[in-house]
């Protein structure tokens, strides 16, 4: 009986590690992309770039994190001296017997200090 419990516990640990291995990278990539997005928004507003230029730079940063994002998934809002960039994207994850879509909604804003 002790061997069966040990075997089941080992199986649960292995299954947990596998799920972390499959699901972890999309969350890590989103974290890195969120950080890049905040940095880009902080500097792009002061450059006077157009919305299309900002979207192109954000898409380039997303590709650096292995994320495929289209311009339609990026929403840029300018109000007074504040710029807000919202990105919505989905990552498909396949596991044996189960697949799911993970939705991410990174956002960044900056207020021009002039």
PDB file of N, CA and C in Angstrom:
ATOM      1  N   UNK A   1       0.815  -1.197   0.000  1.00  0.00           N
ATOM      2  CA  UNK A   1       0.000   0.000   0.000  1.00  0.00           C
ATOM      3  C   UNK A   1       0.860   1.263   0.000  1.00  0.00           C
ATOM      4  N   UNK A   2       1.977   1.223   0.706  1.00  0.00           N
ATOM      5  CA  UNK A   2       2.868   2.376   0.765  1.00  0.00           C
ATOM      6  C   UNK A   2       3.481   2.646  -0.598  1.00  0.00           C
ATOM      7  N   UNK A   3       3.763   1.596  -1.353  1.00  0.00           N
ATOM      8  CA  UNK A   3       4.331   1.776  -2.695  1.00  0.00           C
ATOM      9  C   UNK A   3       3.330   2.445  -3.631  1.00  0.00           C
ATOM     10  N   UNK A   4       2.068   2.072  -3.499  1.00  0.00           N
ATOM     11  CA  UNK A   4       1.043   2.669  -4.354  1.00  0.00           C
ATOM     12  C   UNK A   4       0.920   4.164  -4.045  1.00  0.00           C
ATOM     13  N   UNK A   5       0.902   4.536  -2.773  1.00  0.00           N
ATOM     14  CA  UNK A   5       0.824   5.943  -2.392  1.00  0.00           C
ATOM     15  C   UNK A   5       2.044   6.715  -2.889  1.00  0.00           C
ATOM     16  N   UNK A   6       3.211   6.120  -2.760  1.00  0.00           N
ATOM     17  CA  UNK A   6       4.431   6.775  -3.230  1.00  0.00           C
ATOM     18  C   UNK A   6       4.402   6.947  -4.748  1.00  0.00           C
ATOM     19  N   UNK A   7       3.925   5.915  -5.453  1.00  0.00           N
ATOM     20  CA  UNK A   7       3.823   5.983  -6.905  1.00  0.00           C
ATOM     21  C   UNK A   7       2.829   7.064  -7.331  1.00  0.00           C
ATOM     22  N   UNK A   8       1.670   7.150  -6.652  1.00  0.00           N
ATOM     23  CA  UNK A   8       0.674   8.176  -6.973  1.00  0.00           C
ATOM     24  C   UNK A   8       1.218   9.575  -6.676  1.00  0.00           C
ATOM     25  N   UNK A   9       1.896   9.731  -5.563  1.00  0.00           N
ATOM     26  CA  UNK A   9       2.482  11.026  -5.222  1.00  0.00           C
ATOM     27  C   UNK A   9       3.519  11.425  -6.264  1.00  0.00           C
ATOM     28  N   UNK A  10       4.347  10.492  -6.676  1.00  0.00           N
ATOM     29  CA  UNK A  10       5.346  10.758  -7.710  1.00  0.00           C
ATOM     30  C   UNK A  10       4.663  11.150  -9.027  1.00  0.00           C
ATOM     31  N   UNK A  11       3.588  10.459  -9.375  1.00  0.00           N
ATOM     32  CA  UNK A  11       2.843  10.771 -10.595  1.00  0.00           C
ATOM     33  C   UNK A  11       2.236  12.166 -10.557  1.00  0.00           C
ATOM     34  N   UNK A  12       1.716  12.548  -9.393  1.00  0.00           N
ATOM     35  CA  UNK A  12       1.134  13.880  -9.247  1.00  0.00           C
ATOM     36  C   UNK A  12       2.215  14.952  -9.376  1.00  0.00           C
ATOM     37  N   UNK A  13       3.363  14.714  -8.780  1.00  0.00           N
ATOM     38  CA  UNK A  13       4.467  15.676  -8.880  1.00  0.00           C
ATOM     39  C   UNK A  13       4.924  15.809 -10.333  1.00  0.00           C
ATOM     40  N   UNK A  14       5.054  14.697 -11.031  1.00  0.00           N
ATOM     41  CA  UNK A  14       5.470  14.725 -12.442  1.00  0.00           C
ATOM     42  C   UNK A  14       4.427  15.462 -13.287  1.00  0.00           C
ATOM     43  N   UNK A  15       3.134  15.203 -13.053  1.00  0.00           N
ATOM     44  CA  UNK A  15       2.074  15.873 -13.807  1.00  0.00           C
ATOM     45  C   UNK A  15       2.102  17.376 -13.546  1.00  0.00           C
ATOM     46  N   UNK A  16       2.312  17.783 -12.304  1.00  0.00           N
ATOM     47  CA  UNK A  16       2.394  19.203 -11.963  1.00  0.00           C
ATOM     48  C   UNK A  16       3.580  19.866 -12.660  1.00  0.00           C
ATOM     49  N   UNK A  17       4.710  19.190 -12.660  1.00  0.00           N
ATOM     50  CA  UNK A  17       5.894  19.730 -13.321  1.00  0.00           C
ATOM     51  C   UNK A  17       5.662  19.870 -14.826  1.00  0.00           C
ATOM     52  N   UNK A  18       4.969  18.919 -15.433  1.00  0.00           N
ATOM     53  CA  UNK A  18       4.684  18.981 -16.866  1.00  0.00           C
ATOM     54  C   UNK A  18       3.766  20.164 -17.180  1.00  0.00           C
ATOM     55  N   UNK A  19       2.731  20.349 -16.362  1.00  0.00           N
ATOM     56  CA  UNK A  19       1.812  21.472 -16.587  1.00  0.00           C
ATOM     57  C   UNK A  19       2.565  22.798 -16.452  1.00  0.00           C
ATOM     58  N   UNK A  20       3.435  22.906 -15.466  1.00  0.00           N
ATOM     59  CA  UNK A  20       4.247  24.126 -15.310  1.00  0.00           C
ATOM     60  C   UNK A  20       5.161  24.328 -16.515  1.00  0.00           C
ATOM     61  N   UNK A  21       5.695  23.248 -17.047  1.00  0.00           N
ATOM     62  CA  UNK A  21       6.586  23.316 -18.205  1.00  0.00           C
ATOM     63  C   UNK A  21       5.833  23.809 -19.448  1.00  0.00           C
ATOM     64  N   UNK A  22       4.577  23.405 -19.591  1.00  0.00           N
ATOM     65  CA  UNK A  22       3.796  23.771 -20.772  1.00  0.00           C
ATOM     66  C   UNK A  22       3.161  25.154 -20.620  1.00  0.00           C
ATOM     67  N   UNK A  23       2.644  25.463 -19.443  1.00  0.00           N
ATOM     68  CA  UNK A  23       1.895  26.698 -19.232  1.00  0.00           C
ATOM     69  C   UNK A  23       2.795  27.845 -18.775  1.00  0.00           C
ATOM     70  N   UNK A  24       3.916  27.557 -18.183  1.00  0.00           N
ATOM     71  CA  UNK A  24       4.800  28.589 -17.657  1.00  0.00           C
ATOM     72  C   UNK A  24       5.353  29.556 -18.692  1.00  0.00           C
ATOM     73  N   UNK A  25       5.879  29.084 -19.813  1.00  0.00           N
ATOM     74  CA  UNK A  25       6.462  30.013 -20.794  1.00  0.00           C
ATOM     75  C   UNK A  25       5.519  31.106 -21.305  1.00  0.00           C
ATOM     76  N   UNK A  26       4.235  30.823 -21.594  1.00  0.00           N
ATOM     77  CA  UNK A  26       3.377  31.936 -22.013  1.00  0.00           C
ATOM     78  C   UNK A  26       3.230  33.020 -20.937  1.00  0.00           C
ATOM     79  N   UNK A  27       3.162  32.618 -19.677  1.00  0.00           N
ATOM     80  CA  UNK A  27       3.057  33.598 -18.601  1.00  0.00           C
ATOM     81  C   UNK A  27       4.360  34.389 -18.455  1.00  0.00           C
ATOM     82  N   UNK A  28       5.475  33.718 -18.586  1.00  0.00           N
ATOM     83  CA  UNK A  28       6.769  34.405 -18.504  1.00  0.00           C
ATOM     84  C   UNK A  28       6.932  35.377 -19.671  1.00  0.00           C
ATOM     85  N   UNK A  29       6.559  34.943 -20.882  1.00  0.00           N
ATOM     86  CA  UNK A  29       6.640  35.829 -22.054  1.00  0.00           C
ATOM     87  C   UNK A  29       5.727  37.044 -21.886  1.00  0.00           C
ATOM     88  N   UNK A  30       4.546  36.831 -21.305  1.00  0.00           N
ATOM     89  CA  UNK A  30       3.644  37.959 -21.061  1.00  0.00           C
ATOM     90  C   UNK A  30       4.255  38.932 -20.063  1.00  0.00           C
ATOM     91  N   UNK A  31       4.889  38.417 -19.028  1.00  0.00           N
ATOM     92  CA  UNK A  31       5.536  39.269 -18.037  1.00  0.00           C
ATOM     93  C   UNK A  31       6.634  40.117 -18.689  1.00  0.00           C
ATOM     94  N   UNK A  32       7.456  39.493 -19.523  1.00  0.00           N
ATOM     95  CA  UNK A  32       8.516  40.213 -20.218  1.00  0.00           C
ATOM     96  C   UNK A  32       7.931  41.244 -21.190  1.00  0.00           C
ATOM     97  N   UNK A  33       6.870  40.856 -21.900  1.00  0.00           N
ATOM     98  CA  UNK A  33       6.242  41.765 -22.854  1.00  0.00           C
ATOM     99  C   UNK A  33       5.623  42.968 -22.133  1.00  0.00           C
ATOM    100  N   UNK A  34       5.000  42.719 -20.978  1.00  0.00           N
ATOM    101  CA  UNK A  34       4.422  43.813 -20.187  1.00  0.00           C
ATOM    102  C   UNK A  34       5.502  44.819 -19.806  1.00  0.00           C
ATOM    103  N   UNK A  35       6.650  44.328 -19.402  1.00  0.00           N
ATOM    104  CA  UNK A  35       7.767  45.207 -19.044  1.00  0.00           C
ATOM    105  C   UNK A  35       8.254  45.997 -20.266  1.00  0.00           C
ATOM    106  N   UNK A  36       8.393  45.321 -21.401  1.00  0.00           N
ATOM    107  CA  UNK A  36       8.797  46.006 -22.638  1.00  0.00           C
ATOM    108  C   UNK A  36       7.768  47.049 -23.055  1.00  0.00           C
ATOM    109  N   UNK A  37       6.491  46.722 -22.892  1.00  0.00           N
ATOM    110  CA  UNK A  37       5.418  47.640 -23.270  1.00  0.00           C
ATOM    111  C   UNK A  37       5.475  48.919 -22.434  1.00  0.00           C
ATOM    112  N   UNK A  38       5.685  48.779 -21.135  1.00  0.00           N
ATOM    113  CA  UNK A  38       5.798  49.958 -20.270  1.00  0.00           C
ATOM    114  C   UNK A  38       6.979  50.830 -20.683  1.00  0.00           C
ATOM    115  N   UNK A  39       8.092  50.202 -21.003  1.00  0.00           N
ATOM    116  CA  UNK A  39       9.274  50.953 -21.429  1.00  0.00           C
ATOM    117  C   UNK A  39       9.014  51.676 -22.742  1.00  0.00           C
ATOM    118  N   UNK A  40       8.414  50.990 -23.699  1.00  0.00           N
ATOM    119  CA  UNK A  40       8.130  51.607 -25.001  1.00  0.00           C
ATOM    120  C   UNK A  40       7.192  52.798 -24.858  1.00  0.00           C
ATOM    121  N   UNK A  41       6.137  52.638 -24.090  1.00  0.00           N
ATOM    122  CA  UNK A  41       5.171  53.726 -23.944  1.00  0.00           C
ATOM    123  C   UNK A  41       5.811  54.918 -23.249  1.00  0.00           C
ATOM    124  N   UNK A  42       6.672  54.656 -22.307  1.00  0.00           N
ATOM    125  CA  UNK A  42       7.354  55.742 -21.583  1.00  0.00           C
ATOM    126  C   UNK A  42       8.165  56.612 -22.541  1.00  0.00           C
ATOM    127  N   UNK A  43       8.825  55.991 -23.509  1.00  0.00           N
ATOM    128  CA  UNK A  43       9.696  56.746 -24.410  1.00  0.00           C
ATOM    129  C   UNK A  43       9.032  57.154 -25.721  1.00  0.00           C
ATOM    130  N   UNK A  44       8.070  56.407 -26.203  1.00  0.00           N
ATOM    131  CA  UNK A  44       7.469  56.722 -27.500  1.00  0.00           C
ATOM    132  C   UNK A  44       6.620  57.975 -27.472  1.00  0.00           C
ATOM    133  N   UNK A  45       5.976  58.250 -26.361  1.00  0.00           N
ATOM    134  CA  UNK A  45       5.113  59.426 -26.322  1.00  0.00           C
ATOM    135  C   UNK A  45       5.930  60.699 -26.486  1.00  0.00           C
ATOM    136  N   UNK A  46       7.099  60.721 -25.914  1.00  0.00           N
ATOM    137  CA  UNK A  46       7.936  61.908 -26.006  1.00  0.00           C
ATOM    138  C   UNK A  46       8.564  62.074 -27.385  1.00  0.00           C
ATOM    139  N   UNK A  47       8.556  61.025 -28.201  1.00  0.00           N
ATOM    140  CA  UNK A  47       9.104  61.093 -29.556  1.00  0.00           C
ATOM    141  C   UNK A  47       8.112  61.688 -30.552  1.00  0.00           C
ATOM    142  N   UNK A  48       6.842  61.791 -30.180  1.00  0.00           N
ATOM    143  CA  UNK A  48       5.835  62.319 -31.088  1.00  0.00           C
ATOM    144  C   UNK A  48       5.505  61.359 -32.218  1.00  0.00           C
ATOM    145  N   UNK A  49       5.605  60.072 -31.980  1.00  0.00           N
ATOM    146  CA  UNK A  49       5.324  59.064 -33.009  1.00  0.00           C
ATOM    147  C   UNK A  49       3.822  58.939 -33.253  1.00  0.00           C
ATOM    148  N   UNK A  50       3.480  58.524 -34.462  1.00  0.00           N
ATOM    149  CA  UNK A  50       2.079  58.275 -34.796  1.00  0.00           C
ATOM    150  C   UNK A  50       1.646  56.931 -34.200  1.00  0.00           C
ATOM    151  N   UNK A  51       0.339  56.703 -34.189  1.00  0.00           N
ATOM    152  CA  UNK A  51      -0.182  55.444 -33.660  1.00  0.00           C
ATOM    153  C   UNK A  51       0.346  54.242 -34.436  1.00  0.00           C
ATOM    154  N   UNK A  52       0.456  54.384 -35.753  1.00  0.00           N
ATOM    155  CA  UNK A  52       0.964  53.268 -36.567  1.00  0.00           C
ATOM    156  C   UNK A  52       2.427  52.965 -36.245  1.00  0.00           C
ATOM    157  N   UNK A  53       3.209  54.000 -36.005  1.00  0.00           N
ATOM    158  CA  UNK A  53       4.611  53.793 -35.627  1.00  0.00           C
ATOM    159  C   UNK A  53       4.711  53.093 -34.274  1.00  0.00           C
ATOM    160  N   UNK A  54       3.862  53.512 -33.337  1.00  0.00           N
ATOM    161  CA  UNK A  54       3.859  52.891 -32.014  1.00  0.00           C
ATOM    162  C   UNK A  54       3.464  51.427 -32.127  1.00  0.00           C
ATOM    163  N   UNK A  55       2.432  51.138 -32.922  1.00  0.00           N
ATOM    164  CA  UNK A  55       1.996  49.753 -33.103  1.00  0.00           C
ATOM    165  C   UNK A  55       3.104  48.905 -33.715  1.00  0.00           C
ATOM    166  N   UNK A  56       3.814  49.452 -34.684  1.00  0.00           N
ATOM    167  CA  UNK A  56       4.911  48.699 -35.315  1.00  0.00           C
ATOM    168  C   UNK A  56       6.006  48.377 -34.305  1.00  0.00           C
ATOM    169  N   UNK A  57       6.341  49.325 -33.442  1.00  0.00           N
ATOM    170  CA  UNK A  57       7.379  49.071 -32.432  1.00  0.00           C
ATOM    171  C   UNK A  57       6.911  48.051 -31.403  1.00  0.00           C
ATOM    172  N   UNK A  58       5.620  48.104 -31.043  1.00  0.00           N
ATOM    173  CA  UNK A  58       5.083  47.143 -30.076  1.00  0.00           C
ATOM    174  C   UNK A  58       5.062  45.748 -30.678  1.00  0.00           C
ATOM    175  N   UNK A  59       4.698  45.638 -31.938  1.00  0.00           N
ATOM    176  CA  UNK A  59       4.693  44.329 -32.608  1.00  0.00           C
ATOM    177  C   UNK A  59       6.113  43.771 -32.675  1.00  0.00           C
ATOM    178  N   UNK A  60       7.085  44.624 -32.929  1.00  0.00           N
ATOM    179  CA  UNK A  60       8.484  44.179 -32.955  1.00  0.00           C
ATOM    180  C   UNK A  60       8.903  43.648 -31.580  1.00  0.00           C
ATOM    181  N   UNK A  61       8.527  44.358 -30.526  1.00  0.00           N
ATOM    182  CA  UNK A  61       8.845  43.897 -29.170  1.00  0.00           C
ATOM    183  C   UNK A  61       8.141  42.583 -28.862  1.00  0.00           C
ATOM    184  N   UNK A  62       6.920  42.422 -29.343  1.00  0.00           N
ATOM    185  CA  UNK A  62       6.185  41.183 -29.116  1.00  0.00           C
ATOM    186  C   UNK A  62       6.880  40.013 -29.807  1.00  0.00           C
ATOM    187  N   UNK A  63       7.376  40.241 -31.002  1.00  0.00           N
ATOM    188  CA  UNK A  63       8.083  39.170 -31.714  1.00  0.00           C
ATOM    189  C   UNK A  63       9.361  38.772 -30.981  1.00  0.00           C
ATOM    190  N   UNK A  64      10.000  39.716 -30.293  1.00  0.00           N
ATOM    191  CA  UNK A  64      11.179  39.391 -29.489  1.00  0.00           C
ATOM    192  C   UNK A  64      10.837  38.421 -28.361  1.00  0.00           C
ATOM    193  N   UNK A  65       9.579  38.430 -27.916  1.00  0.00           N
ATOM    194  CA  UNK A  65       9.122  37.542 -26.844  1.00  0.00           C
ATOM    195  C   UNK A  65       8.349  36.343 -27.405  1.00  0.00           C
ATOM    196  N   UNK A  66       8.474  36.087 -28.704  1.00  0.00           N
ATOM    197  CA  UNK A  66       7.807  34.971 -29.380  1.00  0.00           C
ATOM    198  C   UNK A  66       6.282  35.079 -29.315  1.00  0.00           C
ATOM    199  N   UNK A  67       5.768  36.292 -29.377  1.00  0.00           N
ATOM    200  CA  UNK A  67       4.334  36.529 -29.376  1.00  0.00           C
ATOM    201  C   UNK A  67       3.929  37.061 -30.741  1.00  0.00           C
ATOM    202  N   UNK A  68       2.845  36.528 -31.268  1.00  0.00           N
ATOM    203  CA  UNK A  68       2.341  36.985 -32.554  1.00  0.00           C
ATOM    204  C   UNK A  68       1.145  37.890 -32.285  1.00  0.00           C
ATOM    205  N   UNK A  69       1.332  39.177 -32.560  1.00  0.00           N
ATOM    206  CA  UNK A  69       0.294  40.169 -32.308  1.00  0.00           C
ATOM    207  C   UNK A  69       0.079  40.968 -33.580  1.00  0.00           C
ATOM    208  N   UNK A  70      -1.189  41.220 -33.891  1.00  0.00           N
ATOM    209  CA  UNK A  70      -1.534  42.012 -35.068  1.00  0.00           C
ATOM    210  C   UNK A  70      -1.858  43.446 -34.641  1.00  0.00           C
ATOM    211  N   UNK A  71      -1.805  44.398 -35.560  1.00  0.00           N
ATOM    212  CA  UNK A  71      -2.142  45.787 -35.206  1.00  0.00           C
ATOM    213  C   UNK A  71      -3.569  45.931 -34.664  1.00  0.00           C
ATOM    214  N   UNK A  72      -4.481  45.050 -35.067  1.00  0.00           N
ATOM    215  CA  UNK A  72      -5.861  45.130 -34.594  1.00  0.00           C
ATOM    216  C   UNK A  72      -5.975  44.764 -33.109  1.00  0.00           C
ATOM    217  N   UNK A  73      -4.988  44.090 -32.566  1.00  0.00           N
ATOM    218  CA  UNK A  73      -5.017  43.690 -31.159  1.00  0.00           C
ATOM    219  C   UNK A  73      -4.437  44.768 -30.238  1.00  0.00           C
ATOM    220  N   UNK A  74      -3.986  45.861 -30.823  1.00  0.00           N
ATOM    221  CA  UNK A  74      -3.393  46.950 -30.054  1.00  0.00           C
ATOM    222  C   UNK A  74      -4.328  48.153 -30.107  1.00  0.00           C
ATOM    223  N   UNK A  75      -4.677  48.662 -28.938  1.00  0.00           N
ATOM    224  CA  UNK A  75      -5.550  49.834 -28.850  1.00  0.00           C
ATOM    225  C   UNK A  75      -4.754  50.961 -28.193  1.00  0.00           C
ATOM    226  N   UNK A  76      -4.666  52.084 -28.899  1.00  0.00           N
ATOM    227  CA  UNK A  76      -3.941  53.252 -28.397  1.00  0.00           C
ATOM    228  C   UNK A  76      -4.941  54.360 -28.137  1.00  0.00           C
ATOM    229  N   UNK A  77      -4.920  54.883 -26.929  1.00  0.00           N
ATOM    230  CA  UNK A  77      -5.826  55.946 -26.535  1.00  0.00           C
ATOM    231  C   UNK A  77      -5.003  57.133 -26.063  1.00  0.00           C
ATOM    232  N   UNK A  78      -5.316  58.293 -26.624  1.00  0.00           N
ATOM    233  CA  UNK A  78      -4.655  59.532 -26.197  1.00  0.00           C
ATOM    234  C   UNK A  78      -5.731  60.456 -25.629  1.00  0.00           C
ATOM    235  N   UNK A  79      -5.491  60.936 -24.425  1.00  0.00           N
ATOM    236  CA  UNK A  79      -6.425  61.859 -23.785  1.00  0.00           C
ATOM    237  C   UNK A  79      -5.615  62.906 -23.052  1.00  0.00           C
ATOM    238  N   UNK A  80      -5.787  64.158 -23.452  1.00  0.00           N
ATOM    239  CA  UNK A  80      -4.977  65.260 -22.931  1.00  0.00           C
ATOM    240  C   UNK A  80      -3.510  64.924 -23.121  1.00  0.00           C
ATOM    241  N   UNK A  81      -2.755  64.786 -22.049  1.00  0.00           N
ATOM    242  CA  UNK A  81      -1.333  64.470 -22.155  1.00  0.00           C
ATOM    243  C   UNK A  81      -1.038  63.027 -21.766  1.00  0.00           C
ATOM    244  N   UNK A  82      -2.063  62.175 -21.749  1.00  0.00           N
ATOM    245  CA  UNK A  82      -1.884  60.780 -21.354  1.00  0.00           C
ATOM    246  C   UNK A  82      -2.077  59.866 -22.550  1.00  0.00           C
ATOM    247  N   UNK A  83      -1.185  58.913 -22.678  1.00  0.00           N
ATOM    248  CA  UNK A  83      -1.313  57.886 -23.712  1.00  0.00           C
ATOM    249  C   UNK A  83      -1.446  56.538 -23.004  1.00  0.00           C
ATOM    250  N   UNK A  84      -2.397  55.735 -23.470  1.00  0.00           N
ATOM    251  CA  UNK A  84      -2.626  54.397 -22.922  1.00  0.00           C
ATOM    252  C   UNK A  84      -2.582  53.404 -24.068  1.00  0.00           C
ATOM    253  N   UNK A  85      -1.838  52.327 -23.865  1.00  0.00           N
ATOM    254  CA  UNK A  85      -1.742  51.267 -24.862  1.00  0.00           C
ATOM    255  C   UNK A  85      -2.236  49.983 -24.225  1.00  0.00           C
ATOM    256  N   UNK A  86      -3.266  49.390 -24.830  1.00  0.00           N
ATOM    257  CA  UNK A  86      -3.826  48.119 -24.382  1.00  0.00           C
ATOM    258  C   UNK A  86      -3.607  47.086 -25.478  1.00  0.00           C
ATOM    259  N   UNK A  87      -3.146  45.909 -25.085  1.00  0.00           N
ATOM    260  CA  UNK A  87      -2.922  44.822 -26.028  1.00  0.00           C
ATOM    261  C   UNK A  87      -3.689  43.608 -25.529  1.00  0.00           C
ATOM    262  N   UNK A  88      -4.440  42.989 -26.406  1.00  0.00           N
ATOM    263  CA  UNK A  88      -5.173  41.775 -26.060  1.00  0.00           C
ATOM    264  C   UNK A  88      -4.743  40.671 -27.015  1.00  0.00           C
ATOM    265  N   UNK A  89      -4.260  39.572 -26.453  1.00  0.00           N
ATOM    266  CA  UNK A  89      -3.862  38.453 -27.296  1.00  0.00           C
ATOM    267  C   UNK A  89      -4.107  37.145 -26.577  1.00  0.00           C
ATOM    268  N   UNK A  90      -4.128  36.079 -27.352  1.00  0.00           N
ATOM    269  CA  UNK A  90      -4.411  34.739 -26.844  1.00  0.00           C
ATOM    270  C   UNK A  90      -3.288  33.805 -27.258  1.00  0.00           C
ATOM    271  N   UNK A  91      -2.906  32.911 -26.343  1.00  0.00           N
ATOM    272  CA  UNK A  91      -1.907  31.885 -26.634  1.00  0.00           C
ATOM    273  C   UNK A  91      -2.586  30.529 -26.463  1.00  0.00           C
ATOM    274  N   UNK A  92      -2.507  29.697 -27.485  1.00  0.00           N
ATOM    275  CA  UNK A  92      -3.096  28.358 -27.440  1.00  0.00           C
ATOM    276  C   UNK A  92      -2.094  27.389 -26.813  1.00  0.00           C
ATOM    277  N   UNK A  93      -2.552  26.600 -25.851  1.00  0.00           N
ATOM    278  CA  UNK A  93      -1.699  25.635 -25.156  1.00  0.00           C
ATOM    279  C   UNK A  93      -2.303  24.245 -25.336  1.00  0.00           C
ATOM    280  N   UNK A  94      -1.495  23.309 -25.832  1.00  0.00           N
ATOM    281  CA  UNK A  94      -1.917  21.921 -26.006  1.00  0.00           C
ATOM    282  C   UNK A  94      -1.222  21.027 -25.000  1.00  0.00           C
ATOM    283  N   UNK A  95      -2.010  20.199 -24.340  1.00  0.00           N
ATOM    284  CA  UNK A  95      -1.493  19.157 -23.451  1.00  0.00           C
ATOM    285  C   UNK A  95      -2.190  17.868 -23.844  1.00  0.00           C
ATOM    286  N   UNK A  96      -1.622  16.743 -23.505  1.00  0.00           N
ATOM    287  CA  UNK A  96      -2.295  15.481 -23.843  1.00  0.00           C
ATOM    288  C   UNK A  96      -3.692  15.413 -23.216  1.00  0.00           C
ATOM    289  N   UNK A  97      -4.701  15.304 -24.047  1.00  0.00           N
ATOM    290  CA  UNK A  97      -6.068  15.186 -23.572  1.00  0.00           C
ATOM    291  C   UNK A  97      -6.733  16.500 -23.204  1.00  0.00           C
ATOM    292  N   UNK A  98      -6.028  17.620 -23.328  1.00  0.00           N
ATOM    293  CA  UNK A  98      -6.611  18.904 -22.937  1.00  0.00           C
ATOM    294  C   UNK A  98      -5.897  20.033 -23.680  1.00  0.00           C
ATOM    295  N   UNK A  99      -6.665  20.971 -24.159  1.00  0.00           N
ATOM    296  CA  UNK A  99      -6.076  22.170 -24.757  1.00  0.00           C
ATOM    297  C   UNK A  99      -6.893  23.370 -24.297  1.00  0.00           C
ATOM    298  N   UNK A 100      -6.228  24.505 -24.221  1.00  0.00           N
ATOM    299  CA  UNK A 100      -6.902  25.714 -23.755  1.00  0.00           C
ATOM    300  C   UNK A 100      -6.264  26.943 -24.383  1.00  0.00           C
ATOM    301  N   UNK A 101      -6.983  28.029 -24.325  1.00  0.00           N
ATOM    302  CA  UNK A 101      -6.476  29.319 -24.786  1.00  0.00           C
ATOM    303  C   UNK A 101      -6.269  30.204 -23.565  1.00  0.00           C
ATOM    304  N   UNK A 102      -5.074  30.729 -23.425  1.00  0.00           N
ATOM    305  CA  UNK A 102      -4.753  31.640 -22.339  1.00  0.00           C
ATOM    306  C   UNK A 102      -4.870  33.057 -22.872  1.00  0.00           C
ATOM    307  N   UNK A 103      -5.686  33.880 -22.230  1.00  0.00           N
ATOM    308  CA  UNK A 103      -5.885  35.252 -22.666  1.00  0.00           C
ATOM    309  C   UNK A 103      -5.048  36.196 -21.813  1.00  0.00           C
ATOM    310  N   UNK A 104      -4.376  37.120 -22.480  1.00  0.00           N
ATOM    311  CA  UNK A 104      -3.542  38.098 -21.798  1.00  0.00           C
ATOM    312  C   UNK A 104      -3.971  39.495 -22.214  1.00  0.00           C
ATOM    313  N   UNK A 105      -3.882  40.449 -21.276  1.00  0.00           N
ATOM    314  CA  UNK A 105      -4.309  41.824 -21.514  1.00  0.00           C
ATOM    315  C   UNK A 105      -3.290  42.816 -20.930  1.00  0.00           C
ATOM    316  N   UNK A 106      -2.066  42.829 -21.451  1.00  0.00           N
ATOM    317  CA  UNK A 106      -1.105  43.801 -20.926  1.00  0.00           C
ATOM    318  C   UNK A 106      -1.506  45.225 -21.310  1.00  0.00           C
ATOM    319  N   UNK A 107      -1.149  46.158 -20.435  1.00  0.00           N
ATOM    320  CA  UNK A 107      -1.507  47.546 -20.650  1.00  0.00           C
ATOM    321  C   UNK A 107      -0.414  48.437 -20.064  1.00  0.00           C
ATOM    322  N   UNK A 108      -0.254  49.605 -20.641  1.00  0.00           N
ATOM    323  CA  UNK A 108       0.708  50.581 -20.126  1.00  0.00           C
ATOM    324  C   UNK A 108       0.194  51.975 -20.433  1.00  0.00           C
ATOM    325  N   UNK A 109       0.515  52.920 -19.547  1.00  0.00           N
ATOM    326  CA  UNK A 109       0.147  54.307 -19.824  1.00  0.00           C
ATOM    327  C   UNK A 109       1.240  55.223 -19.323  1.00  0.00           C
ATOM    328  N   UNK A 110       1.212  56.443 -19.848  1.00  0.00           N
ATOM    329  CA  UNK A 110       2.209  57.442 -19.493  1.00  0.00           C
ATOM    330  C   UNK A 110       1.595  58.819 -19.673  1.00  0.00           C
ATOM    331  N   UNK A 111       1.947  59.720 -18.777  1.00  0.00           N
ATOM    332  CA  UNK A 111       1.501  61.101 -18.880  1.00  0.00           C
ATOM    333  C   UNK A 111       2.692  61.980 -19.210  1.00  0.00           C
ATOM    334  N   UNK A 112       2.538  62.757 -20.252  1.00  0.00           N
ATOM    335  CA  UNK A 112       3.599  63.654 -20.672  1.00  0.00           C
ATOM    336  C   UNK A 112       3.757  64.761 -19.629  1.00  0.00           C
ATOM    337  N   UNK A 113       4.965  64.990 -19.207  1.00  0.00           N
ATOM    338  CA  UNK A 113       5.217  65.931 -18.116  1.00  0.00           C
ATOM    339  C   UNK A 113       5.623  67.314 -18.625  1.00  0.00           C
ATOM    340  N   UNK A 114       4.914  67.849 -19.605  1.00  0.00           N
ATOM    341  CA  UNK A 114       5.228  69.185 -20.110  1.00  0.00           C
ATOM    342  C   UNK A 114       3.980  70.020 -20.149  1.00  0.00           C
TER     343      UNK A 114
END
